[in-house]
């Protein structure tokens, strides 16, 4: 089974030239840097991409979301598939 999580990124980063906010990278993908102030919100998990797109249309009418109407992201996931299968390493802050 595939589900469709819907995310929105409220951009506050200062990663661009002269401290400007970056919304997308050079390839057109959403730029996300939570450590630089970007706020990532999960709006819901939907059973179809169509339902996720319907939710985007409704959310674009709401305060905050309408200010960044192109900052939604739907990423299909297979239910019961493992993620982070190789673990991770912690790097202390500042190193």
PDB file of N, CA and C in Angstrom:
ATOM      1  N   UNK A   1       0.837  -1.177   0.000  1.00  0.00           N
ATOM      2  CA  UNK A   1       0.000   0.000   0.000  1.00  0.00           C
ATOM      3  C   UNK A   1       0.885   1.244   0.000  1.00  0.00           C
ATOM      4  N   UNK A   2       0.497   2.207  -0.787  1.00  0.00           N
ATOM      5  CA  UNK A   2       1.207   3.481  -0.845  1.00  0.00           C
ATOM      6  C   UNK A   2       0.332   4.544  -0.190  1.00  0.00           C
ATOM      7  N   UNK A   3       0.942   5.386   0.654  1.00  0.00           N
ATOM      8  CA  UNK A   3       0.257   6.533   1.240  1.00  0.00           C
ATOM      9  C   UNK A   3       0.981   7.798   0.785  1.00  0.00           C
ATOM     10  N   UNK A   4       0.293   8.929   0.914  1.00  0.00           N
ATOM     11  CA  UNK A   4       0.796  10.190   0.386  1.00  0.00           C
ATOM     12  C   UNK A   4       0.838  11.257   1.477  1.00  0.00           C
ATOM     13  N   UNK A   5       1.944  11.325   2.218  1.00  0.00           N
ATOM     14  CA  UNK A   5       2.090  12.409   3.203  1.00  0.00           C
ATOM     15  C   UNK A   5       2.212  13.751   2.482  1.00  0.00           C
ATOM     16  N   UNK A   6       1.539  14.747   3.035  1.00  0.00           N
ATOM     17  CA  UNK A   6       1.570  16.099   2.475  1.00  0.00           C
ATOM     18  C   UNK A   6       2.251  17.027   3.470  1.00  0.00           C
ATOM     19  N   UNK A   7       3.305  17.677   3.020  1.00  0.00           N
ATOM     20  CA  UNK A   7       4.099  18.584   3.852  1.00  0.00           C
ATOM     21  C   UNK A   7       4.024  19.998   3.292  1.00  0.00           C
ATOM     22  N   UNK A   8       4.179  20.975   4.172  1.00  0.00           N
ATOM     23  CA  UNK A   8       4.336  22.357   3.744  1.00  0.00           C
ATOM     24  C   UNK A   8       5.549  22.927   4.454  1.00  0.00           C
ATOM     25  N   UNK A   9       6.343  23.694   3.713  1.00  0.00           N
ATOM     26  CA  UNK A   9       7.519  24.333   4.286  1.00  0.00           C
ATOM     27  C   UNK A   9       7.259  25.829   4.374  1.00  0.00           C
ATOM     28  N   UNK A  10       7.265  26.344   5.603  1.00  0.00           N
ATOM     29  CA  UNK A  10       7.210  27.783   5.828  1.00  0.00           C
ATOM     30  C   UNK A  10       8.647  28.272   5.903  1.00  0.00           C
ATOM     31  N   UNK A  11       9.090  28.953   4.883  1.00  0.00           N
ATOM     32  CA  UNK A  11      10.499  29.337   4.781  1.00  0.00           C
ATOM     33  C   UNK A  11      10.830  30.582   5.595  1.00  0.00           C
ATOM     34  N   UNK A  12      11.887  30.470   6.385  1.00  0.00           N
ATOM     35  CA  UNK A  12      12.421  31.588   7.164  1.00  0.00           C
ATOM     36  C   UNK A  12      13.936  31.641   7.059  1.00  0.00           C
ATOM     37  N   UNK A  13      14.519  30.731   6.252  1.00  0.00           N
ATOM     38  CA  UNK A  13      15.976  30.653   6.173  1.00  0.00           C
ATOM     39  C   UNK A  13      16.572  31.927   5.601  1.00  0.00           C
ATOM     40  N   UNK A  14      17.847  32.100   5.818  1.00  0.00           N
ATOM     41  CA  UNK A  14      18.596  33.246   5.286  1.00  0.00           C
ATOM     42  C   UNK A  14      19.774  32.735   4.473  1.00  0.00           C
ATOM     43  N   UNK A  15      19.506  31.697   3.672  1.00  0.00           N
ATOM     44  CA  UNK A  15      20.574  30.981   2.976  1.00  0.00           C
ATOM     45  C   UNK A  15      20.945  31.596   1.624  1.00  0.00           C
ATOM     46  N   UNK A  16      20.145  32.507   1.121  1.00  0.00           N
ATOM     47  CA  UNK A  16      20.407  33.061  -0.197  1.00  0.00           C
ATOM     48  C   UNK A  16      21.346  34.248  -0.177  1.00  0.00           C
ATOM     49  N   UNK A  17      21.615  34.781  -1.353  1.00  0.00           N
ATOM     50  CA  UNK A  17      22.460  35.971  -1.431  1.00  0.00           C
ATOM     51  C   UNK A  17      21.889  37.103  -0.580  1.00  0.00           C
ATOM     52  N   UNK A  18      22.756  37.788   0.114  1.00  0.00           N
ATOM     53  CA  UNK A  18      22.346  38.902   0.980  1.00  0.00           C
ATOM     54  C   UNK A  18      21.342  38.476   2.050  1.00  0.00           C
ATOM     55  N   UNK A  19      21.374  37.199   2.459  1.00  0.00           N
ATOM     56  CA  UNK A  19      20.482  36.723   3.505  1.00  0.00           C
ATOM     57  C   UNK A  19      19.051  36.508   3.062  1.00  0.00           C
ATOM     58  N   UNK A  20      18.812  36.484   1.772  1.00  0.00           N
ATOM     59  CA  UNK A  20      17.455  36.259   1.269  1.00  0.00           C
ATOM     60  C   UNK A  20      17.012  34.830   1.527  1.00  0.00           C
ATOM     61  N   UNK A  21      15.715  34.662   1.622  1.00  0.00           N
ATOM     62  CA  UNK A  21      15.130  33.342   1.828  1.00  0.00           C
ATOM     63  C   UNK A  21      15.150  32.553   0.530  1.00  0.00           C
ATOM     64  N   UNK A  22      15.568  31.296   0.617  1.00  0.00           N
ATOM     65  CA  UNK A  22      15.546  30.388  -0.531  1.00  0.00           C
ATOM     66  C   UNK A  22      14.338  29.472  -0.377  1.00  0.00           C
ATOM     67  N   UNK A  23      13.517  29.391  -1.431  1.00  0.00           N
ATOM     68  CA  UNK A  23      12.351  28.510  -1.422  1.00  0.00           C
ATOM     69  C   UNK A  23      12.637  27.213  -2.161  1.00  0.00           C
ATOM     70  N   UNK A  24      13.328  27.304  -3.290  1.00  0.00           N
ATOM     71  CA  UNK A  24      13.675  26.107  -4.060  1.00  0.00           C
ATOM     72  C   UNK A  24      15.152  26.152  -4.428  1.00  0.00           C
ATOM     73  N   UNK A  25      15.720  24.957  -4.628  1.00  0.00           N
ATOM     74  CA  UNK A  25      17.119  24.907  -5.039  1.00  0.00           C
ATOM     75  C   UNK A  25      17.212  25.049  -6.556  1.00  0.00           C
ATOM     76  N   UNK A  26      18.420  24.960  -7.083  1.00  0.00           N
ATOM     77  CA  UNK A  26      18.626  25.163  -8.526  1.00  0.00           C
ATOM     78  C   UNK A  26      17.888  24.143  -9.377  1.00  0.00           C
ATOM     79  N   UNK A  27      17.629  22.954  -8.819  1.00  0.00           N
ATOM     80  CA  UNK A  27      16.912  21.913  -9.552  1.00  0.00           C
ATOM     81  C   UNK A  27      15.401  22.025  -9.450  1.00  0.00           C
ATOM     82  N   UNK A  28      14.909  23.008  -8.679  1.00  0.00           N
ATOM     83  CA  UNK A  28      13.477  23.204  -8.528  1.00  0.00           C
ATOM     84  C   UNK A  28      12.865  22.477  -7.343  1.00  0.00           C
ATOM     85  N   UNK A  29      13.689  21.736  -6.580  1.00  0.00           N
ATOM     86  CA  UNK A  29      13.185  21.050  -5.387  1.00  0.00           C
ATOM     87  C   UNK A  29      13.083  22.041  -4.234  1.00  0.00           C
ATOM     88  N   UNK A  30      12.162  21.768  -3.314  1.00  0.00           N
ATOM     89  CA  UNK A  30      12.020  22.635  -2.146  1.00  0.00           C
ATOM     90  C   UNK A  30      13.304  22.645  -1.343  1.00  0.00           C
ATOM     91  N   UNK A  31      13.719  23.822  -0.948  1.00  0.00           N
ATOM     92  CA  UNK A  31      14.866  23.981  -0.053  1.00  0.00           C
ATOM     93  C   UNK A  31      14.321  23.906   1.366  1.00  0.00           C
ATOM     94  N   UNK A  32      14.916  23.052   2.187  1.00  0.00           N
ATOM     95  CA  UNK A  32      14.471  22.903   3.572  1.00  0.00           C
ATOM     96  C   UNK A  32      15.690  22.951   4.472  1.00  0.00           C
ATOM     97  N   UNK A  33      15.701  23.911   5.397  1.00  0.00           N
ATOM     98  CA  UNK A  33      16.768  24.010   6.382  1.00  0.00           C
ATOM     99  C   UNK A  33      16.152  24.403   7.718  1.00  0.00           C
ATOM    100  N   UNK A  34      15.760  23.389   8.482  1.00  0.00           N
ATOM    101  CA  UNK A  34      15.095  23.658   9.765  1.00  0.00           C
ATOM    102  C   UNK A  34      16.029  24.358  10.748  1.00  0.00           C
ATOM    103  N   UNK A  35      17.325  24.101  10.647  1.00  0.00           N
ATOM    104  CA  UNK A  35      18.265  24.758  11.548  1.00  0.00           C
ATOM    105  C   UNK A  35      18.388  26.244  11.239  1.00  0.00           C
ATOM    106  N   UNK A  36      18.013  26.640  10.038  1.00  0.00           N
ATOM    107  CA  UNK A  36      18.061  28.049   9.654  1.00  0.00           C
ATOM    108  C   UNK A  36      16.670  28.687   9.714  1.00  0.00           C
ATOM    109  N   UNK A  37      15.716  28.012  10.370  1.00  0.00           N
ATOM    110  CA  UNK A  37      14.420  28.627  10.617  1.00  0.00           C
ATOM    111  C   UNK A  37      13.243  28.135   9.801  1.00  0.00           C
ATOM    112  N   UNK A  38      13.468  27.264   8.818  1.00  0.00           N
ATOM    113  CA  UNK A  38      12.340  26.764   8.044  1.00  0.00           C
ATOM    114  C   UNK A  38      11.447  25.891   8.917  1.00  0.00           C
ATOM    115  N   UNK A  39      10.139  26.029   8.727  1.00  0.00           N
ATOM    116  CA  UNK A  39       9.144  25.321   9.529  1.00  0.00           C
ATOM    117  C   UNK A  39       8.430  24.308   8.645  1.00  0.00           C
ATOM    118  N   UNK A  40       8.649  23.026   8.905  1.00  0.00           N
ATOM    119  CA  UNK A  40       8.047  21.955   8.115  1.00  0.00           C
ATOM    120  C   UNK A  40       6.834  21.420   8.861  1.00  0.00           C
ATOM    121  N   UNK A  41       5.682  21.418   8.181  1.00  0.00           N
ATOM    122  CA  UNK A  41       4.439  20.979   8.781  1.00  0.00           C
ATOM    123  C   UNK A  41       3.857  19.805   7.997  1.00  0.00           C
ATOM    124  N   UNK A  42       3.402  18.781   8.723  1.00  0.00           N
ATOM    125  CA  UNK A  42       2.690  17.666   8.104  1.00  0.00           C
ATOM    126  C   UNK A  42       1.205  18.010   8.109  1.00  0.00           C
ATOM    127  N   UNK A  43       0.612  18.152   6.922  1.00  0.00           N
ATOM    128  CA  UNK A  43      -0.797  18.508   6.823  1.00  0.00           C
ATOM    129  C   UNK A  43      -1.705  17.290   6.872  1.00  0.00           C
ATOM    130  N   UNK A  44      -1.177  16.140   6.526  1.00  0.00           N
ATOM    131  CA  UNK A  44      -1.982  14.923   6.556  1.00  0.00           C
ATOM    132  C   UNK A  44      -1.333  13.832   5.741  1.00  0.00           C
ATOM    133  N   UNK A  45      -1.875  12.636   5.889  1.00  0.00           N
ATOM    134  CA  UNK A  45      -1.417  11.476   5.123  1.00  0.00           C
ATOM    135  C   UNK A  45      -2.631  10.950   4.394  1.00  0.00           C
ATOM    136  N   UNK A  46      -2.539  10.883   3.073  1.00  0.00           N
ATOM    137  CA  UNK A  46      -3.704  10.609   2.238  1.00  0.00           C
ATOM    138  C   UNK A  46      -3.570   9.279   1.504  1.00  0.00           C
ATOM    139  N   UNK A  47      -4.715   8.724   1.155  1.00  0.00           N
ATOM    140  CA  UNK A  47      -4.749   7.423   0.489  1.00  0.00           C
ATOM    141  C   UNK A  47      -4.506   7.514  -1.009  1.00  0.00           C
ATOM    142  N   UNK A  48      -4.526   8.721  -1.551  1.00  0.00           N
ATOM    143  CA  UNK A  48      -4.251   8.900  -2.983  1.00  0.00           C
ATOM    144  C   UNK A  48      -3.596  10.259  -3.209  1.00  0.00           C
ATOM    145  N   UNK A  49      -2.894  10.354  -4.305  1.00  0.00           N
ATOM    146  CA  UNK A  49      -2.272  11.634  -4.643  1.00  0.00           C
ATOM    147  C   UNK A  49      -3.345  12.680  -4.939  1.00  0.00           C
ATOM    148  N   UNK A  50      -4.450  12.245  -5.516  1.00  0.00           N
ATOM    149  CA  UNK A  50      -5.547  13.171  -5.812  1.00  0.00           C
ATOM    150  C   UNK A  50      -6.074  13.817  -4.533  1.00  0.00           C
ATOM    151  N   UNK A  51      -6.230  13.026  -3.476  1.00  0.00           N
ATOM    152  CA  UNK A  51      -6.719  13.578  -2.207  1.00  0.00           C
ATOM    153  C   UNK A  51      -5.705  14.547  -1.606  1.00  0.00           C
ATOM    154  N   UNK A  52      -4.426  14.256  -1.756  1.00  0.00           N
ATOM    155  CA  UNK A  52      -3.391  15.179  -1.274  1.00  0.00           C
ATOM    156  C   UNK A  52      -3.443  16.482  -2.069  1.00  0.00           C
ATOM    157  N   UNK A  53      -3.624  16.391  -3.386  1.00  0.00           N
ATOM    158  CA  UNK A  53      -3.717  17.588  -4.215  1.00  0.00           C
ATOM    159  C   UNK A  53      -4.969  18.400  -3.881  1.00  0.00           C
ATOM    160  N   UNK A  54      -6.077  17.723  -3.576  1.00  0.00           N
ATOM    161  CA  UNK A  54      -7.294  18.426  -3.142  1.00  0.00           C
ATOM    162  C   UNK A  54      -7.020  19.212  -1.863  1.00  0.00           C
ATOM    163  N   UNK A  55      -6.273  18.608  -0.938  1.00  0.00           N
ATOM    164  CA  UNK A  55      -5.937  19.284   0.320  1.00  0.00           C
ATOM    165  C   UNK A  55      -5.048  20.497   0.069  1.00  0.00           C
ATOM    166  N   UNK A  56      -4.129  20.392  -0.879  1.00  0.00           N
ATOM    167  CA  UNK A  56      -3.286  21.537  -1.225  1.00  0.00           C
ATOM    168  C   UNK A  56      -4.159  22.695  -1.702  1.00  0.00           C
ATOM    169  N   UNK A  57      -5.119  22.410  -2.565  1.00  0.00           N
ATOM    170  CA  UNK A  57      -6.005  23.467  -3.068  1.00  0.00           C
ATOM    171  C   UNK A  57      -6.746  24.157  -1.921  1.00  0.00           C
ATOM    172  N   UNK A  58      -7.215  23.379  -0.945  1.00  0.00           N
ATOM    173  CA  UNK A  58      -7.919  23.976   0.198  1.00  0.00           C
ATOM    174  C   UNK A  58      -6.963  24.757   1.089  1.00  0.00           C
ATOM    175  N   UNK A  59      -5.769  24.210   1.322  1.00  0.00           N
ATOM    176  CA  UNK A  59      -4.803  24.865   2.210  1.00  0.00           C
ATOM    177  C   UNK A  59      -4.325  26.190   1.633  1.00  0.00           C
ATOM    178  N   UNK A  60      -4.223  26.290   0.319  1.00  0.00           N
ATOM    179  CA  UNK A  60      -3.748  27.534  -0.305  1.00  0.00           C
ATOM    180  C   UNK A  60      -4.663  28.726  -0.023  1.00  0.00           C
ATOM    181  N   UNK A  61      -5.850  28.470   0.473  1.00  0.00           N
ATOM    182  CA  UNK A  61      -6.783  29.550   0.822  1.00  0.00           C
ATOM    183  C   UNK A  61      -6.576  30.042   2.247  1.00  0.00           C
ATOM    184  N   UNK A  62      -5.777  29.339   3.033  1.00  0.00           N
ATOM    185  CA  UNK A  62      -5.619  29.639   4.457  1.00  0.00           C
ATOM    186  C   UNK A  62      -4.426  30.555   4.725  1.00  0.00           C
ATOM    187  N   UNK A  63      -4.522  31.358   5.798  1.00  0.00           N
ATOM    188  CA  UNK A  63      -3.389  32.226   6.167  1.00  0.00           C
ATOM    189  C   UNK A  63      -2.115  31.407   6.346  1.00  0.00           C
ATOM    190  N   UNK A  64      -1.019  32.000   5.951  1.00  0.00           N
ATOM    191  CA  UNK A  64       0.278  31.331   6.043  1.00  0.00           C
ATOM    192  C   UNK A  64       0.547  30.471   4.823  1.00  0.00           C
ATOM    193  N   UNK A  65      -0.328  29.500   4.581  1.00  0.00           N
ATOM    194  CA  UNK A  65      -0.149  28.631   3.421  1.00  0.00           C
ATOM    195  C   UNK A  65      -0.296  29.415   2.119  1.00  0.00           C
ATOM    196  N   UNK A  66      -1.224  30.370   2.096  1.00  0.00           N
ATOM    197  CA  UNK A  66      -1.427  31.149   0.864  1.00  0.00           C
ATOM    198  C   UNK A  66      -0.236  32.062   0.576  1.00  0.00           C
ATOM    199  N   UNK A  67       0.577  32.352   1.604  1.00  0.00           N
ATOM    200  CA  UNK A  67       1.764  33.180   1.403  1.00  0.00           C
ATOM    201  C   UNK A  67       2.884  32.418   0.690  1.00  0.00           C
ATOM    202  N   UNK A  68       2.842  31.097   0.773  1.00  0.00           N
ATOM    203  CA  UNK A  68       3.838  30.260   0.097  1.00  0.00           C
ATOM    204  C   UNK A  68       3.110  29.119  -0.612  1.00  0.00           C
ATOM    205  N   UNK A  69       2.346  29.448  -1.661  1.00  0.00           N
ATOM    206  CA  UNK A  69       1.483  28.456  -2.304  1.00  0.00           C
ATOM    207  C   UNK A  69       2.220  27.365  -3.069  1.00  0.00           C
ATOM    208  N   UNK A  70       3.499  27.574  -3.341  1.00  0.00           N
ATOM    209  CA  UNK A  70       4.265  26.581  -4.094  1.00  0.00           C
ATOM    210  C   UNK A  70       5.196  25.766  -3.211  1.00  0.00           C
ATOM    211  N   UNK A  71       5.009  25.851  -1.897  1.00  0.00           N
ATOM    212  CA  UNK A  71       5.922  25.194  -0.958  1.00  0.00           C
ATOM    213  C   UNK A  71       5.302  23.963  -0.316  1.00  0.00           C
ATOM    214  N   UNK A  72       4.473  23.252  -1.087  1.00  0.00           N
ATOM    215  CA  UNK A  72       3.887  21.992  -0.646  1.00  0.00           C
ATOM    216  C   UNK A  72       4.679  20.842  -1.261  1.00  0.00           C
ATOM    217  N   UNK A  73       4.688  19.726  -0.558  1.00  0.00           N
ATOM    218  CA  UNK A  73       5.447  18.569  -1.028  1.00  0.00           C
ATOM    219  C   UNK A  73       4.668  17.302  -0.681  1.00  0.00           C
ATOM    220  N   UNK A  74       4.412  16.484  -1.690  1.00  0.00           N
ATOM    221  CA  UNK A  74       3.782  15.179  -1.505  1.00  0.00           C
ATOM    222  C   UNK A  74       4.848  14.136  -1.823  1.00  0.00           C
ATOM    223  N   UNK A  75       5.131  13.275  -0.849  1.00  0.00           N
ATOM    224  CA  UNK A  75       6.163  12.252  -1.027  1.00  0.00           C
ATOM    225  C   UNK A  75       5.528  10.886  -0.779  1.00  0.00           C
ATOM    226  N   UNK A  76       5.291  10.092  -1.832  1.00  0.00           N
ATOM    227  CA  UNK A  76       4.669   8.780  -1.642  1.00  0.00           C
ATOM    228  C   UNK A  76       5.566   7.858  -0.806  1.00  0.00           C
ATOM    229  N   UNK A  77       4.932   7.095   0.085  1.00  0.00           N
ATOM    230  CA  UNK A  77       5.627   6.119   0.914  1.00  0.00           C
ATOM    231  C   UNK A  77       4.915   4.784   0.840  1.00  0.00           C
ATOM    232  N   UNK A  78       5.697   3.729   0.826  1.00  0.00           N
ATOM    233  CA  UNK A  78       5.152   2.381   0.913  1.00  0.00           C
ATOM    234  C   UNK A  78       4.997   2.022   2.391  1.00  0.00           C
ATOM    235  N   UNK A  79       3.800   1.640   2.790  1.00  0.00           N
ATOM    236  CA  UNK A  79       3.550   1.238   4.169  1.00  0.00           C
ATOM    237  C   UNK A  79       4.321  -0.048   4.451  1.00  0.00           C
ATOM    238  N   UNK A  80       4.865  -0.153   5.633  1.00  0.00           N
ATOM    239  CA  UNK A  80       5.603  -1.313   6.135  1.00  0.00           C
ATOM    240  C   UNK A  80       6.991  -1.472   5.519  1.00  0.00           C
ATOM    241  N   UNK A  81       7.460  -0.498   4.741  1.00  0.00           N
ATOM    242  CA  UNK A  81       8.842  -0.520   4.256  1.00  0.00           C
ATOM    243  C   UNK A  81       9.727   0.140   5.301  1.00  0.00           C
ATOM    244  N   UNK A  82      10.878  -0.444   5.564  1.00  0.00           N
ATOM    245  CA  UNK A  82      11.825   0.123   6.513  1.00  0.00           C
ATOM    246  C   UNK A  82      12.487   1.364   5.930  1.00  0.00           C
ATOM    247  N   UNK A  83      12.698   2.360   6.770  1.00  0.00           N
ATOM    248  CA  UNK A  83      13.463   3.554   6.437  1.00  0.00           C
ATOM    249  C   UNK A  83      14.665   3.586   7.380  1.00  0.00           C
ATOM    250  N   UNK A  84      15.664   4.370   7.081  1.00  0.00           N
ATOM    251  CA  UNK A  84      16.868   4.486   7.920  1.00  0.00           C
ATOM    252  C   UNK A  84      17.456   3.104   8.209  1.00  0.00           C
ATOM    253  N   UNK A  85      17.687   2.349   7.164  1.00  0.00           N
ATOM    254  CA  UNK A  85      18.162   0.968   7.334  1.00  0.00           C
ATOM    255  C   UNK A  85      19.645   0.866   7.663  1.00  0.00           C
ATOM    256  N   UNK A  86      20.385   1.949   7.518  1.00  0.00           N
ATOM    257  CA  UNK A  86      21.821   1.898   7.789  1.00  0.00           C
ATOM    258  C   UNK A  86      22.225   2.697   9.020  1.00  0.00           C
ATOM    259  N   UNK A  87      21.274   3.147   9.803  1.00  0.00           N
ATOM    260  CA  UNK A  87      21.599   3.883  11.015  1.00  0.00           C
ATOM    261  C   UNK A  87      22.082   5.293  10.725  1.00  0.00           C
ATOM    262  N   UNK A  88      22.695   5.932  11.751  1.00  0.00           N
ATOM    263  CA  UNK A  88      23.175   7.296  11.603  1.00  0.00           C
ATOM    264  C   UNK A  88      24.283   7.556  12.614  1.00  0.00           C
ATOM    265  N   UNK A  89      24.979   8.639  12.432  1.00  0.00           N
ATOM    266  CA  UNK A  89      26.067   9.051  13.330  1.00  0.00           C
ATOM    267  C   UNK A  89      25.731  10.440  13.854  1.00  0.00           C
ATOM    268  N   UNK A  90      25.885  10.648  15.143  1.00  0.00           N
ATOM    269  CA  UNK A  90      25.678  11.972  15.728  1.00  0.00           C
ATOM    270  C   UNK A  90      26.970  12.762  15.643  1.00  0.00           C
ATOM    271  N   UNK A  91      26.852  14.005  15.198  1.00  0.00           N
ATOM    272  CA  UNK A  91      27.978  14.907  15.171  1.00  0.00           C
ATOM    273  C   UNK A  91      27.662  16.033  16.150  1.00  0.00           C
ATOM    274  N   UNK A  92      28.468  16.190  17.189  1.00  0.00           N
ATOM    275  CA  UNK A  92      28.184  17.233  18.163  1.00  0.00           C
ATOM    276  C   UNK A  92      28.083  18.608  17.514  1.00  0.00           C
ATOM    277  N   UNK A  93      27.185  19.434  18.035  1.00  0.00           N
ATOM    278  CA  UNK A  93      26.972  20.775  17.522  1.00  0.00           C
ATOM    279  C   UNK A  93      28.286  21.533  17.488  1.00  0.00           C
ATOM    280  N   UNK A  94      28.564  22.177  16.392  1.00  0.00           N
ATOM    281  CA  UNK A  94      29.772  23.001  16.263  1.00  0.00           C
ATOM    282  C   UNK A  94      30.951  22.286  15.646  1.00  0.00           C
ATOM    283  N   UNK A  95      30.826  20.998  15.384  1.00  0.00           N
ATOM    284  CA  UNK A  95      31.967  20.280  14.764  1.00  0.00           C
ATOM    285  C   UNK A  95      31.790  20.155  13.280  1.00  0.00           C
TER     286      UNK A  95
END
